[in-house]
Structure formats: C-alpha cells, structure tokens
C-alpha cells in the first residue's frame, strides 16, 4: 500500500534537503514530490512563497526592534532569512541564474523584482508603485548578501576555534590519564 504525502509534508522535506545540501539543486527525486510538484518551476514557486513568509516575518521582527533604522533592519532580516534557509535561497538563486526553461526564467525574474520592491518599500526607501523600487531593493539585497557572507565567515572561524579548543582539551585529558595511569 502506497504512502500518502501531503503537499506541506513534501515541502518540509524538500526544504530540509535543500538546507542540508545547500547546493541549489531541486530534490525532484524525493518521495511525494512528483505528486505535488509536477515540474521544477512549480516547486520553485512553492519555495519562493516559503521564503517570502520567512523573510516577511523576520522583517517585521527587525522593524519592531529598531523602527528608526529601517534599511538596516531589512538588510539584517534578509541575512537572517538566508541563515535560516540557506539551501532554499541557493535554489531560488540557481533558478534565477540557471532556469530550466523560459517559464522558470520569467517566473524567477518577476519574483526577484517583486522581492526587491518589497525590500525597498519595507526599508522606507521607495513607494509601493515607485518604478525604482526594484533597483533600490536589489542594492539592499546585495548589502544583505555581504552581511550574510561576513556572518558565515565569523561562524566558520568560531567553529574552527571551538574544534581547536576541543582538540586542546582532548590532549589535556589524555595527558592527565597518562599521569594517573
């Protein structure tokens, strides 16, 4: 008897898989994917909605914490969304830069422009119907990507230091064991 997969369950598994791998390749092979996502563009659309939900929530949180610094709040929120779902972001970026067909190219281009406009509006740097909103938002996203890369580098440095401390502690414990033996 076959197992039934809900769209939400499948999307959760897809998100986990993407965030674990972080290579930007859509996991079309997972169980239940073909039932709910007949093609990569459909899956990418669902991931885009998941990304928007995460990003919007984080923007609201950051704006509440520092309402006088809207642009930095938006940049920080974007970087945090990327940290929360690095694989999803990589898949969205991959879909934009390497679309599988014209349909995906158009969908990802429009989604990116809308996201950029939203960033600019939420940062207080553009109006809702401002023709420059997408351009302003793209600059905000670039700032966020720079912040995210710097944050990734700091996290990697911390991990290396922690491993070094653990290694040092292991050496100390081994020496104490030798002395006690």
C-alpha atoms as a PDB file:
ATOM      1  CA  UNK A   1       0.000   0.000   0.000  1.00  0.00           C
ATOM      2  CA  UNK A   2       1.443   3.379  -1.003  1.00  0.00           C
ATOM      3  CA  UNK A   3       2.128   6.145   1.437  1.00  0.00           C
ATOM      4  CA  UNK A   4       0.237   9.406   1.022  1.00  0.00           C
ATOM      5  CA  UNK A   5       2.247  12.595   1.264  1.00  0.00           C
ATOM      6  CA  UNK A   6       0.653  15.968   1.883  1.00  0.00           C
ATOM      7  CA  UNK A   7       1.992  18.915  -0.061  1.00  0.00           C
ATOM      8  CA  UNK A   8       3.121  20.570   3.192  1.00  0.00           C
ATOM      9  CA  UNK A   9       4.972  17.421   4.339  1.00  0.00           C
ATOM     10  CA  UNK A  10       6.719  17.153   0.997  1.00  0.00           C
ATOM     11  CA  UNK A  11       7.631  20.844   1.011  1.00  0.00           C
ATOM     12  CA  UNK A  12       9.063  20.464   4.528  1.00  0.00           C
ATOM     13  CA  UNK A  13      11.209  17.538   3.392  1.00  0.00           C
ATOM     14  CA  UNK A  14      12.305  19.454   0.295  1.00  0.00           C
ATOM     15  CA  UNK A  15      13.247  22.437   2.469  1.00  0.00           C
ATOM     16  CA  UNK A  16      15.242  20.232   4.864  1.00  0.00           C
ATOM     17  CA  UNK A  17      17.004  18.509   1.989  1.00  0.00           C
ATOM     18  CA  UNK A  18      17.908  21.825   0.353  1.00  0.00           C
ATOM     19  CA  UNK A  19      19.102  23.362   3.617  1.00  0.00           C
ATOM     20  CA  UNK A  20      21.210  20.289   4.398  1.00  0.00           C
ATOM     21  CA  UNK A  21      22.817  20.145   0.939  1.00  0.00           C
ATOM     22  CA  UNK A  22      22.953  23.865   0.135  1.00  0.00           C
ATOM     23  CA  UNK A  23      23.870  23.167  -3.480  1.00  0.00           C
ATOM     24  CA  UNK A  24      20.809  24.833  -5.029  1.00  0.00           C
ATOM     25  CA  UNK A  25      19.682  21.691  -6.868  1.00  0.00           C
ATOM     26  CA  UNK A  26      15.978  20.941  -6.508  1.00  0.00           C
ATOM     27  CA  UNK A  27      15.411  17.466  -5.000  1.00  0.00           C
ATOM     28  CA  UNK A  28      12.848  16.280  -7.535  1.00  0.00           C
ATOM     29  CA  UNK A  29      13.637  12.657  -6.574  1.00  0.00           C
ATOM     30  CA  UNK A  30      12.137  12.783  -3.059  1.00  0.00           C
ATOM     31  CA  UNK A  31       9.057  10.696  -2.337  1.00  0.00           C
ATOM     32  CA  UNK A  32       5.846  12.595  -2.988  1.00  0.00           C
ATOM     33  CA  UNK A  33       7.463  15.387  -4.990  1.00  0.00           C
ATOM     34  CA  UNK A  34       6.035  14.364  -8.358  1.00  0.00           C
ATOM     35  CA  UNK A  35       2.519  14.179  -6.851  1.00  0.00           C
ATOM     36  CA  UNK A  36       2.550  17.800  -5.703  1.00  0.00           C
ATOM     37  CA  UNK A  37       5.235  19.462  -7.824  1.00  0.00           C
ATOM     38  CA  UNK A  38       4.965  18.246 -11.414  1.00  0.00           C
ATOM     39  CA  UNK A  39       7.907  20.362 -12.571  1.00  0.00           C
ATOM     40  CA  UNK A  40      10.811  22.369 -11.125  1.00  0.00           C
ATOM     41  CA  UNK A  41       9.070  25.703 -11.734  1.00  0.00           C
ATOM     42  CA  UNK A  42       6.105  24.659  -9.585  1.00  0.00           C
ATOM     43  CA  UNK A  43       8.431  23.567  -6.786  1.00  0.00           C
ATOM     44  CA  UNK A  44      10.432  26.776  -7.058  1.00  0.00           C
ATOM     45  CA  UNK A  45       7.205  28.777  -6.787  1.00  0.00           C
ATOM     46  CA  UNK A  46       6.297  26.992  -3.549  1.00  0.00           C
ATOM     47  CA  UNK A  47       9.800  27.572  -2.196  1.00  0.00           C
ATOM     48  CA  UNK A  48       9.539  31.246  -3.139  1.00  0.00           C
ATOM     49  CA  UNK A  49       6.354  31.531  -1.063  1.00  0.00           C
ATOM     50  CA  UNK A  50       8.078  29.811   1.865  1.00  0.00           C
ATOM     51  CA  UNK A  51      11.000  32.238   1.505  1.00  0.00           C
ATOM     52  CA  UNK A  52       8.643  35.249   1.413  1.00  0.00           C
ATOM     53  CA  UNK A  53       6.884  34.063   4.566  1.00  0.00           C
ATOM     54  CA  UNK A  54      10.164  33.657   6.437  1.00  0.00           C
ATOM     55  CA  UNK A  55      11.575  36.931   5.129  1.00  0.00           C
ATOM     56  CA  UNK A  56       8.411  38.928   5.857  1.00  0.00           C
ATOM     57  CA  UNK A  57       8.230  37.636   9.415  1.00  0.00           C
ATOM     58  CA  UNK A  58      11.871  38.474  10.053  1.00  0.00           C
ATOM     59  CA  UNK A  59      11.478  41.940   8.526  1.00  0.00           C
ATOM     60  CA  UNK A  60       8.537  42.632  10.839  1.00  0.00           C
ATOM     61  CA  UNK A  61      10.556  41.435  13.831  1.00  0.00           C
ATOM     62  CA  UNK A  62      13.587  43.541  12.909  1.00  0.00           C
ATOM     63  CA  UNK A  63      11.471  46.633  12.212  1.00  0.00           C
ATOM     64  CA  UNK A  64       9.793  46.249  15.607  1.00  0.00           C
ATOM     65  CA  UNK A  65      13.187  46.043  17.287  1.00  0.00           C
ATOM     66  CA  UNK A  66      14.601  49.115  15.528  1.00  0.00           C
ATOM     67  CA  UNK A  67      11.948  51.187  13.814  1.00  0.00           C
ATOM     68  CA  UNK A  68      14.272  54.145  13.227  1.00  0.00           C
ATOM     69  CA  UNK A  69      16.766  52.137  11.191  1.00  0.00           C
ATOM     70  CA  UNK A  70      14.508  50.541   8.600  1.00  0.00           C
ATOM     71  CA  UNK A  71      17.113  49.876   5.918  1.00  0.00           C
ATOM     72  CA  UNK A  72      19.466  48.086   8.304  1.00  0.00           C
ATOM     73  CA  UNK A  73      16.527  46.172   9.774  1.00  0.00           C
ATOM     74  CA  UNK A  74      15.574  44.918   6.299  1.00  0.00           C
ATOM     75  CA  UNK A  75      19.176  44.011   5.451  1.00  0.00           C
ATOM     76  CA  UNK A  76      19.573  42.132   8.741  1.00  0.00           C
ATOM     77  CA  UNK A  77      16.261  40.326   8.224  1.00  0.00           C
ATOM     78  CA  UNK A  78      17.285  39.180   4.741  1.00  0.00           C
ATOM     79  CA  UNK A  79      20.624  37.891   6.056  1.00  0.00           C
ATOM     80  CA  UNK A  80      18.818  36.058   8.874  1.00  0.00           C
ATOM     81  CA  UNK A  81      16.345  34.519   6.434  1.00  0.00           C
ATOM     82  CA  UNK A  82      19.268  33.269   4.374  1.00  0.00           C
ATOM     83  CA  UNK A  83      20.894  31.854   7.509  1.00  0.00           C
ATOM     84  CA  UNK A  84      17.622  30.100   8.393  1.00  0.00           C
ATOM     85  CA  UNK A  85      17.178  28.611   4.906  1.00  0.00           C
ATOM     86  CA  UNK A  86      20.495  28.712   3.034  1.00  0.00           C
ATOM     87  CA  UNK A  87      19.556  25.856   0.727  1.00  0.00           C
ATOM     88  CA  UNK A  88      16.207  27.375  -0.191  1.00  0.00           C
ATOM     89  CA  UNK A  89      17.934  30.660  -1.007  1.00  0.00           C
ATOM     90  CA  UNK A  90      20.533  28.776  -3.068  1.00  0.00           C
ATOM     91  CA  UNK A  91      17.754  27.018  -5.025  1.00  0.00           C
ATOM     92  CA  UNK A  92      15.987  30.329  -5.680  1.00  0.00           C
ATOM     93  CA  UNK A  93      19.252  31.892  -6.829  1.00  0.00           C
ATOM     94  CA  UNK A  94      20.023  28.883  -9.018  1.00  0.00           C
ATOM     95  CA  UNK A  95      16.572  29.057 -10.587  1.00  0.00           C
ATOM     96  CA  UNK A  96      17.135  32.730 -11.380  1.00  0.00           C
ATOM     97  CA  UNK A  97      20.622  32.333 -12.841  1.00  0.00           C
ATOM     98  CA  UNK A  98      20.152  28.909 -14.479  1.00  0.00           C
ATOM     99  CA  UNK A  99      16.450  28.496 -15.333  1.00  0.00           C
ATOM    100  CA  UNK A 100      15.480  25.180 -16.895  1.00  0.00           C
ATOM    101  CA  UNK A 101      13.149  26.863 -19.376  1.00  0.00           C
ATOM    102  CA  UNK A 102      11.535  30.145 -20.367  1.00  0.00           C
ATOM    103  CA  UNK A 103       8.701  29.692 -17.901  1.00  0.00           C
ATOM    104  CA  UNK A 104      11.111  29.420 -14.978  1.00  0.00           C
ATOM    105  CA  UNK A 105      13.169  32.332 -16.288  1.00  0.00           C
ATOM    106  CA  UNK A 106      10.121  34.599 -16.382  1.00  0.00           C
ATOM    107  CA  UNK A 107       8.744  33.408 -13.029  1.00  0.00           C
ATOM    108  CA  UNK A 108      12.036  33.839 -11.181  1.00  0.00           C
ATOM    109  CA  UNK A 109      12.731  37.216 -12.780  1.00  0.00           C
ATOM    110  CA  UNK A 110       9.309  38.513 -11.704  1.00  0.00           C
ATOM    111  CA  UNK A 111       9.665  37.014  -8.215  1.00  0.00           C
ATOM    112  CA  UNK A 112      13.074  38.642  -7.741  1.00  0.00           C
ATOM    113  CA  UNK A 113      11.758  42.031  -8.884  1.00  0.00           C
ATOM    114  CA  UNK A 114       8.799  41.781  -6.503  1.00  0.00           C
ATOM    115  CA  UNK A 115      11.051  40.760  -3.623  1.00  0.00           C
ATOM    116  CA  UNK A 116      13.401  43.661  -4.344  1.00  0.00           C
ATOM    117  CA  UNK A 117      10.497  46.107  -4.466  1.00  0.00           C
ATOM    118  CA  UNK A 118       9.190  44.734  -1.159  1.00  0.00           C
ATOM    119  CA  UNK A 119      12.618  45.192   0.445  1.00  0.00           C
ATOM    120  CA  UNK A 120      12.788  48.814  -0.705  1.00  0.00           C
ATOM    121  CA  UNK A 121       9.256  49.601   0.474  1.00  0.00           C
ATOM    122  CA  UNK A 122       9.774  47.921   3.861  1.00  0.00           C
ATOM    123  CA  UNK A 123      13.053  49.822   4.265  1.00  0.00           C
ATOM    124  CA  UNK A 124      11.220  53.089   3.664  1.00  0.00           C
ATOM    125  CA  UNK A 125      13.345  53.843   0.605  1.00  0.00           C
ATOM    126  CA  UNK A 126      10.649  53.577  -2.070  1.00  0.00           C
ATOM    127  CA  UNK A 127       6.921  53.854  -2.504  1.00  0.00           C
ATOM    128  CA  UNK A 128       4.638  50.984  -3.416  1.00  0.00           C
ATOM    129  CA  UNK A 129       4.409  51.989  -7.094  1.00  0.00           C
ATOM    130  CA  UNK A 130       7.881  53.518  -7.399  1.00  0.00           C
ATOM    131  CA  UNK A 131       9.490  52.330 -10.649  1.00  0.00           C
ATOM    132  CA  UNK A 132      12.919  52.412  -8.955  1.00  0.00           C
ATOM    133  CA  UNK A 133      11.836  50.211  -6.037  1.00  0.00           C
ATOM    134  CA  UNK A 134      13.240  47.008  -7.535  1.00  0.00           C
ATOM    135  CA  UNK A 135      16.606  48.650  -8.201  1.00  0.00           C
ATOM    136  CA  UNK A 136      16.788  50.037  -4.659  1.00  0.00           C
ATOM    137  CA  UNK A 137      15.749  46.668  -3.239  1.00  0.00           C
ATOM    138  CA  UNK A 138      18.399  44.870  -5.283  1.00  0.00           C
ATOM    139  CA  UNK A 139      21.033  47.084  -3.627  1.00  0.00           C
ATOM    140  CA  UNK A 140      19.593  46.202  -0.212  1.00  0.00           C
ATOM    141  CA  UNK A 141      19.756  42.516  -1.081  1.00  0.00           C
ATOM    142  CA  UNK A 142      23.386  42.925  -2.120  1.00  0.00           C
ATOM    143  CA  UNK A 143      24.160  44.534   1.248  1.00  0.00           C
ATOM    144  CA  UNK A 144      22.383  41.637   2.949  1.00  0.00           C
ATOM    145  CA  UNK A 145      24.385  39.097   0.966  1.00  0.00           C
ATOM    146  CA  UNK A 146      27.603  40.830   2.018  1.00  0.00           C
ATOM    147  CA  UNK A 147      26.437  40.748   5.642  1.00  0.00           C
ATOM    148  CA  UNK A 148      25.490  37.073   5.310  1.00  0.00           C
ATOM    149  CA  UNK A 149      28.889  36.152   3.856  1.00  0.00           C
ATOM    150  CA  UNK A 150      30.665  38.012   6.666  1.00  0.00           C
ATOM    151  CA  UNK A 151      28.430  36.250   9.173  1.00  0.00           C
ATOM    152  CA  UNK A 152      29.203  32.872   7.564  1.00  0.00           C
ATOM    153  CA  UNK A 153      32.932  33.609   7.809  1.00  0.00           C
ATOM    154  CA  UNK A 154      32.612  34.522  11.500  1.00  0.00           C
ATOM    155  CA  UNK A 155      30.646  31.340  12.160  1.00  0.00           C
ATOM    156  CA  UNK A 156      33.307  29.281  10.381  1.00  0.00           C
ATOM    157  CA  UNK A 157      36.060  30.970  12.423  1.00  0.00           C
ATOM    158  CA  UNK A 158      34.142  30.227  15.628  1.00  0.00           C
ATOM    159  CA  UNK A 159      33.725  26.590  14.615  1.00  0.00           C
ATOM    160  CA  UNK A 160      37.448  26.264  13.916  1.00  0.00           C
ATOM    161  CA  UNK A 161      38.238  27.832  17.301  1.00  0.00           C
ATOM    162  CA  UNK A 162      35.774  25.525  19.079  1.00  0.00           C
ATOM    163  CA  UNK A 163      37.283  22.489  17.401  1.00  0.00           C
ATOM    164  CA  UNK A 164      40.729  23.725  18.356  1.00  0.00           C
ATOM    165  CA  UNK A 165      39.633  24.135  21.977  1.00  0.00           C
ATOM    166  CA  UNK A 166      38.078  20.658  21.950  1.00  0.00           C
ATOM    167  CA  UNK A 167      41.254  19.238  20.438  1.00  0.00           C
ATOM    168  CA  UNK A 168      43.304  21.031  23.085  1.00  0.00           C
ATOM    169  CA  UNK A 169      41.018  19.697  25.824  1.00  0.00           C
ATOM    170  CA  UNK A 170      41.373  16.174  24.430  1.00  0.00           C
ATOM    171  CA  UNK A 171      45.155  16.488  24.609  1.00  0.00           C
ATOM    172  CA  UNK A 172      44.953  17.697  28.219  1.00  0.00           C
ATOM    173  CA  UNK A 173      42.610  14.860  29.203  1.00  0.00           C
ATOM    174  CA  UNK A 174      44.928  12.338  27.518  1.00  0.00           C
ATOM    175  CA  UNK A 175      47.925  13.735  29.411  1.00  0.00           C
ATOM    176  CA  UNK A 176      46.040  13.602  32.723  1.00  0.00           C
ATOM    177  CA  UNK A 177      45.070   9.979  32.008  1.00  0.00           C
ATOM    178  CA  UNK A 178      48.706   9.132  31.307  1.00  0.00           C
ATOM    179  CA  UNK A 179      49.797  10.735  34.571  1.00  0.00           C
ATOM    180  CA  UNK A 180      47.110   8.954  36.576  1.00  0.00           C
ATOM    181  CA  UNK A 181      47.779   5.556  34.964  1.00  0.00           C
END
